Amino acid sequence: MKELLMVLDSIKLSQNIKALVITGEGGFFSSGHNLHEVIKFSDTNSKKVFSTASEILLSYHECGPCKVINTS
């Protein structure tokens, strides 16, 4: 997930990239959060994962003119 954040940060600085298509592999790809599961998080690692995932979602909106498309 940290690698995805780095890619999104570099896209914010580029005027040449018009779209980013993100695809998933296996059973763990998600383009959002299951909020019912999030409120059950109690351990530190789960909270870190949720925090990083939230950063990614916010970065999608900060990509400027670049459109982010999630497929699975």
C-alpha atoms as a PDB file:
ATOM      1  CA  MET A   1       0.000   0.000   0.000  1.00  0.00           C
ATOM      2  CA  LYS A   2       2.923   2.326   0.646  1.00  0.00           C
ATOM      3  CA  GLU A   3       4.074   1.760  -2.955  1.00  0.00           C
ATOM      4  CA  LEU A   4       0.655   2.813  -4.218  1.00  0.00           C
ATOM      5  CA  LEU A   5       0.878   5.995  -2.131  1.00  0.00           C
ATOM      6  CA  MET A   6       4.258   6.767  -3.708  1.00  0.00           C
ATOM      7  CA  VAL A   7       2.803   6.296  -7.203  1.00  0.00           C
ATOM      8  CA  LEU A   8      -0.153   8.539  -6.398  1.00  0.00           C
ATOM      9  CA  ASP A   9       2.193  11.216  -5.042  1.00  0.00           C
ATOM     10  CA  SER A  10       4.229  11.173  -8.261  1.00  0.00           C
ATOM     11  CA  ILE A  11       1.054  11.408 -10.358  1.00  0.00           C
ATOM     12  CA  LYS A  12       0.055  14.572  -8.496  1.00  0.00           C
ATOM     13  CA  LEU A  13       3.245  16.201  -9.771  1.00  0.00           C
ATOM     14  CA  SER A  14       2.820  15.063 -13.394  1.00  0.00           C
ATOM     15  CA  GLN A  15       0.774  16.874 -16.010  1.00  0.00           C
ATOM     16  CA  ASN A  16       1.251  14.074 -18.568  1.00  0.00           C
ATOM     17  CA  ILE A  17      -0.714  11.299 -16.859  1.00  0.00           C
ATOM     18  CA  LYS A  18      -4.422  11.466 -17.658  1.00  0.00           C
ATOM     19  CA  ALA A  19      -5.674   8.245 -16.042  1.00  0.00           C
ATOM     20  CA  LEU A  20      -4.608   5.525 -13.628  1.00  0.00           C
ATOM     21  CA  VAL A  21      -6.308   2.126 -13.791  1.00  0.00           C
ATOM     22  CA  ILE A  22      -5.909  -0.010 -10.674  1.00  0.00           C
ATOM     23  CA  THR A  23      -6.752  -3.698 -10.851  1.00  0.00           C
ATOM     24  CA  GLY A  24      -6.842  -6.276  -8.100  1.00  0.00           C
ATOM     25  CA  GLU A  25      -5.533  -9.784  -7.810  1.00  0.00           C
ATOM     26  CA  GLY A  26      -6.849 -12.519  -5.567  1.00  0.00           C
ATOM     27  CA  GLY A  27      -9.513 -12.056  -2.944  1.00  0.00           C
ATOM     28  CA  PHE A  28      -8.156  -9.028  -1.135  1.00  0.00           C
ATOM     29  CA  PHE A  29      -8.596  -6.109  -3.533  1.00  0.00           C
ATOM     30  CA  SER A  30     -11.047  -3.441  -2.466  1.00  0.00           C
ATOM     31  CA  SER A  31     -11.792   0.036  -3.704  1.00  0.00           C
ATOM     32  CA  GLY A  32     -13.298   1.091  -0.384  1.00  0.00           C
ATOM     33  CA  HIS A  33     -13.783   0.252   3.267  1.00  0.00           C
ATOM     34  CA  ASN A  34     -16.237  -2.031   5.018  1.00  0.00           C
ATOM     35  CA  LEU A  35     -17.133   0.414   7.781  1.00  0.00           C
ATOM     36  CA  HIS A  36     -18.812  -2.270   9.885  1.00  0.00           C
ATOM     37  CA  GLU A  37     -15.466  -4.074  10.056  1.00  0.00           C
ATOM     38  CA  VAL A  38     -13.460  -0.882  10.619  1.00  0.00           C
ATOM     39  CA  ILE A  39     -15.230  -0.024  13.862  1.00  0.00           C
ATOM     40  CA  LYS A  40     -14.229  -3.440  15.241  1.00  0.00           C
ATOM     41  CA  PHE A  41     -10.482  -2.722  14.819  1.00  0.00           C
ATOM     42  CA  SER A  42      -8.728  -2.844  18.150  1.00  0.00           C
ATOM     43  CA  ASP A  43      -5.133  -3.814  17.489  1.00  0.00           C
ATOM     44  CA  THR A  44      -2.490  -1.332  16.389  1.00  0.00           C
ATOM     45  CA  ASN A  45      -1.658  -3.101  13.118  1.00  0.00           C
ATOM     46  CA  SER A  46      -5.271  -3.008  11.920  1.00  0.00           C
ATOM     47  CA  LYS A  47      -5.439   0.689  12.730  1.00  0.00           C
ATOM     48  CA  LYS A  48      -2.243   1.301  10.720  1.00  0.00           C
ATOM     49  CA  VAL A  49      -3.665  -0.580   7.734  1.00  0.00           C
ATOM     50  CA  PHE A  50      -6.883   1.429   7.907  1.00  0.00           C
ATOM     51  CA  SER A  51      -4.926   4.677   8.221  1.00  0.00           C
ATOM     52  CA  THR A  52      -2.817   3.873   5.152  1.00  0.00           C
ATOM     53  CA  ALA A  53      -5.900   2.827   3.174  1.00  0.00           C
ATOM     54  CA  SER A  54      -7.540   6.122   4.117  1.00  0.00           C
ATOM     55  CA  GLU A  55      -4.470   8.020   2.875  1.00  0.00           C
ATOM     56  CA  ILE A  56      -4.763   6.187  -0.440  1.00  0.00           C
ATOM     57  CA  LEU A  57      -8.433   7.083  -0.832  1.00  0.00           C
ATOM     58  CA  LEU A  58      -7.685  10.739  -0.097  1.00  0.00           C
ATOM     59  CA  SER A  59      -4.815  10.666  -2.587  1.00  0.00           C
ATOM     60  CA  TYR A  60      -7.224   9.520  -5.299  1.00  0.00           C
ATOM     61  CA  HIS A  61      -9.071  12.803  -4.910  1.00  0.00           C
ATOM     62  CA  GLU A  62      -5.869  14.823  -4.894  1.00  0.00           C
ATOM     63  CA  CYS A  63      -4.609  13.505  -8.240  1.00  0.00           C
ATOM     64  CA  GLY A  64      -5.786  16.652  -9.981  1.00  0.00           C
ATOM     65  CA  PRO A  65      -6.803  16.113 -13.597  1.00  0.00           C
ATOM     66  CA  CYS A  66      -5.765  12.447 -13.486  1.00  0.00           C
ATOM     67  CA  LYS A  67      -8.753  10.107 -13.226  1.00  0.00           C
ATOM     68  CA  VAL A  68      -8.357   7.050 -10.991  1.00  0.00           C
ATOM     69  CA  ILE A  69     -10.338   3.966 -12.015  1.00  0.00           C
ATOM     70  CA  ASN A  70     -10.609   0.948  -9.690  1.00  0.00           C
ATOM     71  CA  THR A  71     -11.518  -2.415 -11.193  1.00  0.00           C
ATOM     72  CA  SER A  72     -11.609  -5.838  -9.641  1.00  0.00           C
END
